């Protein structure tokens, strides 16, 4: 079970200390995604041949910037990247991922995989704006919205001290510049190992008065 270029599970987890349970969960995520995509539009057809690199590995890059004993809220979870992948590594008490997704069929997929892999997750079907009252230590979102809009969606958590861990594409600098008109925040830029983008770590976010 590898990508078309031979990139597979062992490549995706390189440098991470993962349990047998995590390995089994990651394989299950890929297997179930392959089955479910026949009936639900979870990822594009051209993404299937690169799932380990573009989705699993890309999601695993976020893990060193999270505390896996804390609560992560993932916005617009879609096919479960990074939410399901992060949850698969949470072997210690306290770690939990809440995934918020507005499309019911995608929520059904997320619940099915979570149950089969016994992952510490909660799946919420609805728009992100409905759930800002939930407590969170970290906020993640992948391919969900441009940074100015993403911070707006995540504002209720960021303003209460949650840390944003956001993978962004090659236009990240442009998005960062646009965001400065509306927000003040501390940030760290970490080059992505899976493409041309970066991981943005956002702290102490406040709206510009």
N, C-alpha and C. Protein backbone atom coordinates (compact mmCIF):
# COMPACT_ATOMS: atom_id res chain seq x y z
N UNK A 1 0.84 -1.19 0.00
CA UNK A 1 0.00 0.00 0.00
C UNK A 1 0.89 1.25 0.00
N UNK A 2 1.25 1.72 -1.21
CA UNK A 2 2.11 2.89 -1.34
C UNK A 2 1.55 3.82 -2.41
N UNK A 3 2.11 5.04 -2.46
CA UNK A 3 1.75 5.97 -3.52
C UNK A 3 2.32 5.48 -4.85
N UNK A 4 1.93 6.14 -5.92
CA UNK A 4 2.38 5.76 -7.25
C UNK A 4 3.90 5.90 -7.39
N UNK A 5 4.50 6.80 -6.59
CA UNK A 5 5.95 6.97 -6.64
C UNK A 5 6.69 6.13 -5.61
N UNK A 6 5.97 5.25 -4.92
CA UNK A 6 6.59 4.37 -3.93
C UNK A 6 6.62 4.89 -2.52
N UNK A 7 6.19 6.13 -2.30
CA UNK A 7 6.15 6.72 -0.96
C UNK A 7 5.03 6.04 -0.16
N UNK A 8 5.37 5.56 1.05
CA UNK A 8 4.37 4.81 1.81
C UNK A 8 4.42 5.08 3.30
N UNK A 9 3.88 4.17 4.06
CA UNK A 9 3.74 4.33 5.51
C UNK A 9 5.08 4.59 6.19
N UNK A 10 6.09 3.80 5.88
CA UNK A 10 7.38 3.95 6.56
C UNK A 10 7.99 5.32 6.28
N UNK A 11 7.78 5.84 5.07
CA UNK A 11 8.28 7.18 4.74
C UNK A 11 7.50 8.25 5.50
N UNK A 12 6.21 8.07 5.61
CA UNK A 12 5.35 9.07 6.25
C UNK A 12 5.67 9.23 7.73
N UNK A 13 6.04 8.14 8.40
CA UNK A 13 6.26 8.19 9.85
C UNK A 13 7.73 8.36 10.21
N UNK A 14 8.59 8.52 9.21
CA UNK A 14 10.03 8.66 9.48
C UNK A 14 10.28 9.78 10.49
N UNK A 15 11.05 9.45 11.53
CA UNK A 15 11.38 10.44 12.55
C UNK A 15 10.39 10.52 13.69
N UNK A 16 9.28 9.80 13.59
CA UNK A 16 8.29 9.78 14.66
C UNK A 16 8.31 8.45 15.38
N UNK A 17 8.15 8.48 16.69
CA UNK A 17 8.06 7.26 17.49
C UNK A 17 6.58 6.91 17.63
N UNK A 18 6.12 5.94 16.86
CA UNK A 18 4.70 5.62 16.84
C UNK A 18 4.47 4.18 17.29
N UNK A 19 3.31 3.95 17.86
CA UNK A 19 2.95 2.64 18.36
C UNK A 19 2.37 1.76 17.26
N UNK A 20 2.25 0.48 17.56
CA UNK A 20 1.61 -0.44 16.63
C UNK A 20 0.17 -0.03 16.39
N UNK A 21 -0.50 0.47 17.43
CA UNK A 21 -1.89 0.92 17.28
C UNK A 21 -1.98 2.08 16.30
N UNK A 22 -1.01 3.00 16.37
CA UNK A 22 -1.01 4.12 15.43
C UNK A 22 -0.79 3.65 14.01
N UNK A 23 0.15 2.72 13.81
CA UNK A 23 0.40 2.19 12.47
C UNK A 23 -0.86 1.54 11.91
N UNK A 24 -1.53 0.75 12.73
CA UNK A 24 -2.76 0.10 12.28
C UNK A 24 -3.84 1.14 11.95
N UNK A 25 -3.92 2.20 12.76
CA UNK A 25 -4.93 3.23 12.53
C UNK A 25 -4.67 3.98 11.22
N UNK A 26 -3.41 4.29 10.94
CA UNK A 26 -3.08 5.00 9.71
C UNK A 26 -3.41 4.15 8.48
N UNK A 27 -3.11 2.87 8.57
CA UNK A 27 -3.45 1.98 7.45
C UNK A 27 -4.95 1.86 7.28
N UNK A 28 -5.67 1.85 8.39
CA UNK A 28 -7.12 1.77 8.32
C UNK A 28 -7.71 3.04 7.69
N UNK A 29 -7.17 4.21 8.06
CA UNK A 29 -7.64 5.47 7.48
C UNK A 29 -7.53 5.43 5.96
N UNK A 30 -6.37 5.01 5.47
CA UNK A 30 -6.15 4.96 4.02
C UNK A 30 -7.06 3.94 3.35
N UNK A 31 -7.20 2.79 3.99
CA UNK A 31 -8.05 1.73 3.42
C UNK A 31 -9.52 2.17 3.36
N UNK A 32 -10.01 2.76 4.44
CA UNK A 32 -11.40 3.19 4.48
C UNK A 32 -11.65 4.35 3.52
N UNK A 33 -10.67 5.25 3.40
CA UNK A 33 -10.82 6.35 2.47
C UNK A 33 -10.94 5.83 1.04
N UNK A 34 -10.15 4.82 0.72
CA UNK A 34 -10.22 4.22 -0.61
C UNK A 34 -11.60 3.64 -0.88
N UNK A 35 -12.19 3.01 0.14
CA UNK A 35 -13.53 2.42 -0.02
C UNK A 35 -14.61 3.49 -0.10
N UNK A 36 -14.55 4.45 0.83
CA UNK A 36 -15.60 5.46 0.93
C UNK A 36 -15.61 6.43 -0.25
N UNK A 37 -14.48 6.69 -0.84
CA UNK A 37 -14.44 7.70 -1.91
C UNK A 37 -15.22 7.26 -3.14
N UNK A 38 -15.56 5.96 -3.20
CA UNK A 38 -16.37 5.48 -4.32
C UNK A 38 -17.80 6.03 -4.24
N UNK A 39 -18.22 6.42 -3.03
CA UNK A 39 -19.59 6.91 -2.86
C UNK A 39 -19.68 8.32 -2.29
N UNK A 40 -18.58 8.83 -1.75
CA UNK A 40 -18.57 10.17 -1.16
C UNK A 40 -17.36 10.92 -1.70
N UNK A 41 -17.55 12.18 -2.07
CA UNK A 41 -16.47 12.99 -2.61
C UNK A 41 -15.57 13.48 -1.47
N UNK A 42 -14.62 12.64 -1.07
CA UNK A 42 -13.74 12.96 0.04
C UNK A 42 -12.44 13.63 -0.41
N UNK A 43 -11.82 13.09 -1.44
CA UNK A 43 -10.63 13.70 -2.04
C UNK A 43 -10.75 13.58 -3.55
N UNK A 44 -10.00 14.41 -4.26
CA UNK A 44 -10.07 14.38 -5.72
C UNK A 44 -9.46 13.12 -6.30
N UNK A 45 -9.87 12.71 -7.48
CA UNK A 45 -9.37 11.49 -8.12
C UNK A 45 -7.85 11.47 -8.28
N UNK A 46 -7.26 12.64 -8.55
CA UNK A 46 -5.82 12.69 -8.75
C UNK A 46 -5.03 12.61 -7.44
N UNK A 47 -5.73 12.75 -6.30
CA UNK A 47 -5.07 12.70 -5.01
C UNK A 47 -4.84 11.27 -4.52
N UNK A 48 -5.60 10.33 -5.05
CA UNK A 48 -5.57 8.95 -4.56
C UNK A 48 -4.18 8.34 -4.68
N UNK A 49 -3.49 8.64 -5.77
CA UNK A 49 -2.17 8.04 -6.00
C UNK A 49 -1.07 8.67 -5.16
N UNK A 50 -1.42 9.70 -4.38
CA UNK A 50 -0.41 10.40 -3.57
C UNK A 50 -0.89 10.59 -2.14
N UNK A 51 -1.73 9.70 -1.67
CA UNK A 51 -2.38 9.91 -0.37
C UNK A 51 -1.39 9.89 0.79
N UNK A 52 -0.37 9.04 0.73
CA UNK A 52 0.57 8.95 1.85
C UNK A 52 1.40 10.23 2.00
N UNK A 53 1.86 10.76 0.87
CA UNK A 53 2.68 11.96 0.93
C UNK A 53 1.84 13.22 1.14
N UNK A 54 0.80 13.39 0.35
CA UNK A 54 0.05 14.65 0.34
C UNK A 54 -0.93 14.79 1.49
N UNK A 55 -1.33 13.68 2.07
CA UNK A 55 -2.35 13.76 3.12
C UNK A 55 -1.86 13.22 4.47
N UNK A 56 -1.35 11.97 4.50
CA UNK A 56 -0.88 11.42 5.77
C UNK A 56 0.38 12.14 6.24
N UNK A 57 1.41 12.18 5.41
CA UNK A 57 2.67 12.83 5.78
C UNK A 57 2.46 14.31 6.07
N UNK A 58 1.67 14.97 5.22
CA UNK A 58 1.41 16.39 5.40
C UNK A 58 0.73 16.65 6.74
N UNK A 59 -0.17 15.76 7.15
CA UNK A 59 -0.85 15.90 8.46
C UNK A 59 0.09 15.59 9.61
N UNK A 60 0.93 14.57 9.45
CA UNK A 60 1.85 14.19 10.51
C UNK A 60 2.85 15.30 10.83
N UNK A 61 3.12 16.17 9.86
CA UNK A 61 4.05 17.28 10.12
C UNK A 61 3.59 18.20 11.24
N UNK A 62 2.29 18.22 11.49
CA UNK A 62 1.76 19.10 12.52
C UNK A 62 2.01 18.57 13.93
N UNK A 63 2.18 17.26 14.04
CA UNK A 63 2.21 16.62 15.36
C UNK A 63 3.29 17.17 16.29
N UNK A 64 4.54 17.42 15.83
CA UNK A 64 5.55 17.96 16.75
C UNK A 64 5.19 19.32 17.34
N UNK A 65 4.21 19.99 16.77
CA UNK A 65 3.83 21.33 17.23
C UNK A 65 2.56 21.32 18.09
N UNK A 66 2.13 20.11 18.45
CA UNK A 66 0.95 19.92 19.28
C UNK A 66 1.33 19.20 20.56
N UNK A 67 0.51 19.32 21.57
CA UNK A 67 0.62 18.50 22.78
C UNK A 67 -0.48 17.45 22.68
N UNK A 68 -0.08 16.19 22.48
CA UNK A 68 -1.05 15.13 22.23
C UNK A 68 -1.81 14.69 23.47
N UNK A 69 -1.54 15.34 24.60
CA UNK A 69 -2.33 15.09 25.81
C UNK A 69 -3.41 16.15 25.98
N UNK A 70 -3.52 17.07 25.03
CA UNK A 70 -4.46 18.19 25.13
C UNK A 70 -5.60 18.03 24.13
N UNK A 71 -6.47 19.04 24.11
CA UNK A 71 -7.64 19.03 23.23
C UNK A 71 -7.37 19.84 21.97
N UNK A 72 -7.50 19.18 20.83
CA UNK A 72 -7.33 19.80 19.52
C UNK A 72 -8.70 19.92 18.86
N UNK A 73 -9.01 21.10 18.34
CA UNK A 73 -10.21 21.29 17.53
C UNK A 73 -9.78 21.49 16.08
N UNK A 74 -10.28 20.64 15.20
CA UNK A 74 -9.94 20.71 13.78
C UNK A 74 -11.13 21.27 13.00
N UNK A 75 -10.88 22.34 12.27
CA UNK A 75 -11.95 23.06 11.57
C UNK A 75 -12.06 22.57 10.12
N UNK A 76 -13.29 22.31 9.68
CA UNK A 76 -13.50 21.86 8.31
C UNK A 76 -12.77 20.58 8.01
N UNK A 77 -13.04 19.54 8.77
CA UNK A 77 -12.21 18.33 8.77
C UNK A 77 -12.25 17.52 7.49
N UNK A 78 -13.31 17.63 6.71
CA UNK A 78 -13.34 16.95 5.42
C UNK A 78 -13.12 15.47 5.51
N UNK A 79 -12.03 15.00 4.88
CA UNK A 79 -11.71 13.57 4.86
C UNK A 79 -10.86 13.16 6.07
N UNK A 80 -10.71 14.05 7.03
CA UNK A 80 -10.01 13.68 8.26
C UNK A 80 -8.55 14.07 8.32
N UNK A 81 -8.14 14.98 7.44
CA UNK A 81 -6.76 15.46 7.46
C UNK A 81 -6.73 16.92 7.89
N UNK A 82 -6.14 17.21 9.04
CA UNK A 82 -5.29 16.33 9.83
C UNK A 82 -5.97 15.63 11.02
N UNK A 83 -7.26 15.86 11.25
CA UNK A 83 -7.90 15.42 12.49
C UNK A 83 -7.74 13.95 12.81
N UNK A 84 -8.08 13.07 11.86
CA UNK A 84 -7.97 11.63 12.11
C UNK A 84 -6.52 11.22 12.35
N UNK A 85 -5.62 11.81 11.58
CA UNK A 85 -4.21 11.45 11.70
C UNK A 85 -3.67 11.85 13.07
N UNK A 86 -4.00 13.05 13.52
CA UNK A 86 -3.57 13.49 14.85
C UNK A 86 -4.14 12.57 15.93
N UNK A 87 -5.41 12.25 15.83
CA UNK A 87 -6.05 11.38 16.82
C UNK A 87 -5.40 10.00 16.88
N UNK A 88 -4.89 9.54 15.74
CA UNK A 88 -4.28 8.19 15.71
C UNK A 88 -3.02 8.11 16.56
N UNK A 89 -2.41 9.25 16.87
CA UNK A 89 -1.19 9.26 17.70
C UNK A 89 -1.47 9.51 19.17
N UNK A 90 -2.72 9.77 19.52
CA UNK A 90 -3.04 10.13 20.90
C UNK A 90 -3.23 8.89 21.77
N UNK A 91 -2.11 8.37 22.26
CA UNK A 91 -2.18 7.17 23.07
C UNK A 91 -2.24 7.44 24.56
N UNK A 92 -2.04 8.70 24.96
CA UNK A 92 -2.02 9.03 26.39
C UNK A 92 -3.34 9.66 26.83
N UNK A 93 -3.68 9.50 28.10
CA UNK A 93 -4.94 10.06 28.61
C UNK A 93 -5.00 11.57 28.42
N UNK A 94 -6.19 12.07 28.11
CA UNK A 94 -6.39 13.50 27.98
C UNK A 94 -6.42 13.98 26.56
N UNK A 95 -5.70 13.33 25.68
CA UNK A 95 -5.66 13.75 24.29
C UNK A 95 -6.99 13.49 23.59
N UNK A 96 -7.48 14.49 22.87
CA UNK A 96 -8.78 14.35 22.20
C UNK A 96 -8.82 15.31 21.01
N UNK A 97 -9.45 14.87 19.92
CA UNK A 97 -9.63 15.72 18.75
C UNK A 97 -11.12 15.88 18.48
N UNK A 98 -11.57 17.12 18.43
CA UNK A 98 -12.93 17.42 18.01
C UNK A 98 -12.87 17.91 16.57
N UNK A 99 -13.58 17.22 15.68
CA UNK A 99 -13.59 17.58 14.27
C UNK A 99 -14.94 18.20 13.91
N UNK A 100 -14.89 19.37 13.30
CA UNK A 100 -16.10 20.09 12.91
C UNK A 100 -16.19 20.08 11.39
N UNK A 101 -17.30 19.55 10.88
CA UNK A 101 -17.47 19.41 9.43
C UNK A 101 -18.95 19.64 9.10
N UNK A 102 -19.20 20.45 8.06
CA UNK A 102 -20.57 20.82 7.72
C UNK A 102 -21.27 19.82 6.82
N UNK A 103 -20.53 18.93 6.16
CA UNK A 103 -21.13 17.98 5.23
C UNK A 103 -21.42 16.66 5.95
N UNK A 104 -22.68 16.28 5.98
CA UNK A 104 -23.10 15.11 6.74
C UNK A 104 -22.43 13.83 6.31
N UNK A 105 -22.26 13.60 5.01
CA UNK A 105 -21.65 12.37 4.52
C UNK A 105 -20.19 12.27 4.93
N UNK A 106 -19.51 13.40 4.98
CA UNK A 106 -18.13 13.38 5.44
C UNK A 106 -18.06 13.09 6.94
N UNK A 107 -19.02 13.60 7.68
CA UNK A 107 -19.09 13.28 9.12
C UNK A 107 -19.32 11.78 9.33
N UNK A 108 -20.14 11.18 8.48
CA UNK A 108 -20.38 9.74 8.59
C UNK A 108 -19.08 8.98 8.39
N UNK A 109 -18.28 9.39 7.44
CA UNK A 109 -16.97 8.77 7.22
C UNK A 109 -16.07 8.95 8.44
N UNK A 110 -15.99 10.16 8.97
CA UNK A 110 -15.15 10.43 10.13
C UNK A 110 -15.56 9.58 11.34
N UNK A 111 -16.87 9.45 11.55
CA UNK A 111 -17.35 8.63 12.66
C UNK A 111 -17.03 7.16 12.45
N UNK A 112 -17.22 6.68 11.23
CA UNK A 112 -16.96 5.27 10.93
C UNK A 112 -15.50 4.90 11.18
N UNK A 113 -14.60 5.73 10.69
CA UNK A 113 -13.17 5.45 10.88
C UNK A 113 -12.79 5.57 12.36
N UNK A 114 -13.30 6.60 13.03
CA UNK A 114 -13.00 6.79 14.45
C UNK A 114 -13.44 5.59 15.28
N UNK A 115 -14.62 5.06 14.98
CA UNK A 115 -15.12 3.91 15.72
C UNK A 115 -14.30 2.66 15.42
N UNK A 116 -13.98 2.42 14.16
CA UNK A 116 -13.22 1.23 13.79
C UNK A 116 -11.81 1.24 14.35
N UNK A 117 -11.22 2.44 14.45
CA UNK A 117 -9.85 2.55 14.95
C UNK A 117 -9.79 2.91 16.43
N UNK A 118 -10.95 3.06 17.07
CA UNK A 118 -11.04 3.43 18.50
C UNK A 118 -10.25 4.72 18.78
N UNK A 119 -10.50 5.73 17.97
CA UNK A 119 -9.79 6.99 18.13
C UNK A 119 -10.51 7.92 19.10
N UNK A 120 -9.76 8.74 19.85
CA UNK A 120 -10.36 9.67 20.82
C UNK A 120 -10.87 10.93 20.12
N UNK A 121 -12.03 10.82 19.49
CA UNK A 121 -12.56 11.93 18.71
C UNK A 121 -14.01 12.22 19.05
N UNK A 122 -14.42 13.44 18.72
CA UNK A 122 -15.82 13.84 18.69
C UNK A 122 -16.06 14.47 17.32
N UNK A 123 -17.12 14.07 16.65
CA UNK A 123 -17.44 14.59 15.33
C UNK A 123 -18.68 15.47 15.44
N UNK A 124 -18.56 16.72 15.03
CA UNK A 124 -19.68 17.66 15.09
C UNK A 124 -20.08 18.06 13.68
N UNK A 125 -21.34 17.84 13.34
CA UNK A 125 -21.85 18.16 12.02
C UNK A 125 -22.51 19.53 12.03
N UNK A 126 -21.84 20.53 11.45
CA UNK A 126 -22.38 21.87 11.43
C UNK A 126 -21.32 22.87 11.05
N UNK A 127 -21.71 24.12 10.98
CA UNK A 127 -20.76 25.18 10.66
C UNK A 127 -19.89 25.51 11.88
N UNK A 128 -18.68 25.90 11.61
CA UNK A 128 -17.71 26.19 12.67
C UNK A 128 -18.25 27.21 13.65
N UNK A 129 -18.97 28.22 13.15
CA UNK A 129 -19.44 29.30 14.01
C UNK A 129 -20.33 28.83 15.15
N UNK A 130 -20.93 27.68 15.02
CA UNK A 130 -21.84 27.16 16.05
C UNK A 130 -21.11 26.66 17.29
N UNK A 131 -19.82 26.40 17.17
CA UNK A 131 -19.14 25.64 18.21
C UNK A 131 -18.01 26.39 18.91
N UNK A 132 -18.01 27.71 18.82
CA UNK A 132 -16.95 28.49 19.43
C UNK A 132 -16.89 28.41 20.94
N UNK A 133 -17.94 27.91 21.55
CA UNK A 133 -17.97 27.82 23.02
C UNK A 133 -17.15 26.64 23.55
N UNK A 134 -16.78 25.71 22.67
CA UNK A 134 -16.02 24.53 23.09
C UNK A 134 -14.61 24.96 23.49
N UNK A 135 -14.10 24.42 24.57
CA UNK A 135 -12.73 24.72 24.98
C UNK A 135 -11.75 23.98 24.08
N UNK A 136 -10.61 24.60 23.82
CA UNK A 136 -9.58 23.98 22.99
C UNK A 136 -8.22 24.53 23.38
N UNK A 137 -7.21 23.67 23.27
CA UNK A 137 -5.82 24.09 23.49
C UNK A 137 -5.13 24.42 22.17
N UNK A 138 -5.51 23.70 21.11
CA UNK A 138 -4.93 23.90 19.79
C UNK A 138 -6.04 23.91 18.75
N UNK A 139 -5.85 24.71 17.70
CA UNK A 139 -6.77 24.75 16.58
C UNK A 139 -6.00 24.37 15.32
N UNK A 140 -6.53 23.43 14.55
CA UNK A 140 -5.93 23.08 13.28
C UNK A 140 -6.95 23.27 12.17
N UNK A 141 -6.46 23.46 10.97
CA UNK A 141 -7.32 23.56 9.79
C UNK A 141 -6.43 23.42 8.57
N UNK A 142 -6.83 22.58 7.65
CA UNK A 142 -6.02 22.31 6.46
C UNK A 142 -6.88 22.53 5.22
N UNK A 143 -6.41 23.42 4.33
CA UNK A 143 -7.13 23.71 3.09
C UNK A 143 -8.58 24.12 3.37
N UNK A 144 -8.77 24.93 4.42
CA UNK A 144 -10.11 25.30 4.86
C UNK A 144 -10.50 26.70 4.40
N UNK A 145 -9.57 27.67 4.58
CA UNK A 145 -9.88 29.06 4.22
C UNK A 145 -8.58 29.86 4.19
N UNK A 146 -8.54 30.96 3.41
CA UNK A 146 -7.38 31.87 3.47
C UNK A 146 -7.19 32.37 4.91
N UNK A 147 -5.96 32.72 5.25
CA UNK A 147 -5.64 33.04 6.63
C UNK A 147 -6.52 34.12 7.26
N UNK A 148 -6.82 35.25 6.58
CA UNK A 148 -7.68 36.25 7.23
C UNK A 148 -9.04 35.66 7.64
N UNK A 149 -9.64 34.87 6.75
CA UNK A 149 -10.93 34.25 7.07
C UNK A 149 -10.77 33.14 8.10
N UNK A 150 -9.67 32.40 8.00
CA UNK A 150 -9.42 31.32 8.95
C UNK A 150 -9.32 31.84 10.38
N UNK A 151 -8.61 32.95 10.57
CA UNK A 151 -8.50 33.52 11.91
C UNK A 151 -9.85 34.01 12.41
N UNK A 152 -10.69 34.47 11.50
CA UNK A 152 -12.04 34.88 11.88
C UNK A 152 -12.83 33.67 12.38
N UNK A 153 -12.76 32.57 11.63
CA UNK A 153 -13.44 31.34 12.06
C UNK A 153 -12.91 30.85 13.41
N UNK A 154 -11.60 30.97 13.60
CA UNK A 154 -10.96 30.44 14.82
C UNK A 154 -10.90 31.44 15.95
N UNK A 155 -11.46 32.63 15.75
CA UNK A 155 -11.25 33.74 16.68
C UNK A 155 -11.68 33.43 18.11
N UNK A 156 -12.80 32.74 18.27
CA UNK A 156 -13.29 32.50 19.64
C UNK A 156 -12.31 31.66 20.45
N UNK A 157 -11.56 30.81 19.80
CA UNK A 157 -10.56 29.99 20.49
C UNK A 157 -9.23 30.73 20.63
N UNK A 158 -8.78 31.37 19.56
CA UNK A 158 -7.50 32.07 19.59
C UNK A 158 -7.50 33.18 20.62
N UNK A 159 -8.62 33.89 20.74
CA UNK A 159 -8.69 34.99 21.70
C UNK A 159 -8.77 34.50 23.14
N UNK A 160 -9.03 33.21 23.32
CA UNK A 160 -9.02 32.63 24.67
C UNK A 160 -7.71 31.88 24.95
N UNK A 161 -6.73 32.02 24.04
CA UNK A 161 -5.41 31.47 24.33
C UNK A 161 -5.03 30.21 23.59
N UNK A 162 -5.91 29.66 22.75
CA UNK A 162 -5.55 28.48 21.97
C UNK A 162 -4.46 28.84 20.97
N UNK A 163 -3.68 27.86 20.59
CA UNK A 163 -2.60 28.03 19.61
C UNK A 163 -3.07 27.49 18.26
N UNK A 164 -2.92 28.27 17.22
CA UNK A 164 -3.26 27.82 15.88
C UNK A 164 -2.08 27.13 15.22
N UNK A 165 -2.32 25.97 14.64
CA UNK A 165 -1.29 25.23 13.90
C UNK A 165 -1.87 24.98 12.51
N UNK A 166 -1.45 25.83 11.56
CA UNK A 166 -2.12 25.89 10.27
C UNK A 166 -1.15 25.63 9.11
N UNK A 167 -1.28 24.53 8.40
CA UNK A 167 -0.51 24.36 7.16
C UNK A 167 -1.06 25.29 6.09
N UNK A 168 -0.18 26.00 5.41
CA UNK A 168 -0.58 26.93 4.37
C UNK A 168 0.24 26.69 3.11
N UNK A 169 -0.34 27.03 1.95
CA UNK A 169 0.30 26.79 0.67
C UNK A 169 1.30 27.87 0.27
N UNK A 170 1.65 27.87 -1.01
CA UNK A 170 2.72 28.72 -1.49
C UNK A 170 2.40 30.21 -1.41
N UNK A 171 1.12 30.58 -1.24
CA UNK A 171 0.74 31.99 -1.13
C UNK A 171 0.67 32.46 0.33
N UNK A 172 1.35 31.76 1.21
CA UNK A 172 1.23 32.06 2.64
C UNK A 172 1.69 33.48 2.98
N UNK A 173 2.72 33.97 2.30
CA UNK A 173 3.20 35.31 2.61
C UNK A 173 2.16 36.38 2.26
N UNK A 174 1.51 36.18 1.14
CA UNK A 174 0.45 37.10 0.74
C UNK A 174 -0.69 37.08 1.76
N UNK A 175 -1.05 35.89 2.21
CA UNK A 175 -2.12 35.76 3.20
C UNK A 175 -1.72 36.41 4.52
N UNK A 176 -0.46 36.25 4.90
CA UNK A 176 0.03 36.83 6.15
C UNK A 176 -0.03 38.35 6.08
N UNK A 177 0.33 38.91 4.95
CA UNK A 177 0.28 40.37 4.76
C UNK A 177 -1.15 40.88 4.85
N UNK A 178 -2.08 40.18 4.22
CA UNK A 178 -3.48 40.58 4.25
C UNK A 178 -4.05 40.51 5.67
N UNK A 179 -3.60 39.52 6.42
CA UNK A 179 -4.13 39.32 7.78
C UNK A 179 -3.71 40.43 8.72
N UNK A 180 -2.56 41.05 8.48
CA UNK A 180 -2.04 42.09 9.37
C UNK A 180 -2.97 43.30 9.46
N UNK A 181 -3.84 43.49 8.48
CA UNK A 181 -4.79 44.61 8.53
C UNK A 181 -5.90 44.39 9.55
N UNK A 182 -6.09 43.14 9.96
CA UNK A 182 -7.24 42.82 10.81
C UNK A 182 -6.85 42.19 12.16
N UNK A 183 -5.63 41.66 12.24
CA UNK A 183 -5.22 40.93 13.44
C UNK A 183 -3.81 41.30 13.86
N UNK A 184 -3.57 41.25 15.15
CA UNK A 184 -2.21 41.25 15.68
C UNK A 184 -1.98 39.88 16.31
N UNK A 185 -0.83 39.32 16.09
CA UNK A 185 -0.54 37.99 16.64
C UNK A 185 0.95 37.69 16.51
N UNK A 186 1.41 36.80 17.35
CA UNK A 186 2.76 36.27 17.22
C UNK A 186 2.69 35.04 16.33
N UNK A 187 3.71 34.86 15.50
CA UNK A 187 3.68 33.69 14.64
C UNK A 187 5.09 33.15 14.39
N UNK A 188 5.12 31.87 14.08
CA UNK A 188 6.35 31.19 13.71
C UNK A 188 6.11 30.51 12.37
N UNK A 189 7.07 30.60 11.48
CA UNK A 189 6.96 30.01 10.15
C UNK A 189 7.89 28.81 10.05
N UNK A 190 7.32 27.65 9.77
CA UNK A 190 8.09 26.42 9.67
C UNK A 190 7.95 25.87 8.25
N UNK A 191 9.04 25.71 7.51
CA UNK A 191 8.94 25.19 6.14
C UNK A 191 8.29 23.80 6.11
N UNK A 192 7.42 23.61 5.15
CA UNK A 192 6.79 22.30 4.97
C UNK A 192 7.78 21.32 4.35
N UNK A 193 7.71 20.08 4.77
CA UNK A 193 8.54 19.04 4.19
C UNK A 193 7.81 18.27 3.10
N UNK A 194 6.55 18.65 2.83
CA UNK A 194 5.77 17.89 1.85
C UNK A 194 5.40 18.72 0.62
N UNK A 195 5.86 19.97 0.56
CA UNK A 195 5.50 20.80 -0.58
C UNK A 195 6.11 22.17 -0.50
N UNK A 196 5.51 23.13 -1.19
CA UNK A 196 6.06 24.49 -1.27
C UNK A 196 5.59 25.40 -0.14
N UNK A 197 4.71 24.93 0.71
CA UNK A 197 4.12 25.78 1.72
C UNK A 197 4.86 25.77 3.04
N UNK A 198 4.14 26.16 4.09
CA UNK A 198 4.71 26.26 5.44
C UNK A 198 3.67 25.81 6.46
N UNK A 199 4.13 25.67 7.68
CA UNK A 199 3.23 25.53 8.83
C UNK A 199 3.32 26.82 9.62
N UNK A 200 2.18 27.46 9.82
CA UNK A 200 2.13 28.69 10.61
C UNK A 200 1.67 28.37 12.03
N UNK A 201 2.47 28.76 12.99
CA UNK A 201 2.10 28.62 14.40
C UNK A 201 1.65 30.01 14.86
N UNK A 202 0.39 30.14 15.26
CA UNK A 202 -0.19 31.43 15.61
C UNK A 202 -0.52 31.47 17.10
N UNK A 203 -0.03 32.49 17.78
CA UNK A 203 -0.27 32.66 19.21
C UNK A 203 -0.69 34.10 19.51
N UNK A 204 -1.41 34.25 20.62
CA UNK A 204 -1.79 35.56 21.15
C UNK A 204 -2.47 36.42 20.09
N UNK A 205 -3.40 35.83 19.38
CA UNK A 205 -4.11 36.53 18.31
C UNK A 205 -5.17 37.46 18.90
N UNK A 206 -5.17 38.71 18.43
CA UNK A 206 -6.17 39.69 18.85
C UNK A 206 -6.61 40.50 17.63
N UNK A 207 -7.86 40.84 17.56
CA UNK A 207 -8.35 41.66 16.46
C UNK A 207 -7.81 43.08 16.57
N UNK A 208 -7.57 43.69 15.43
CA UNK A 208 -7.15 45.09 15.39
C UNK A 208 -8.37 45.95 15.72
N UNK A 209 -8.23 46.86 16.67
CA UNK A 209 -9.36 47.68 17.10
C UNK A 209 -9.80 48.63 16.00
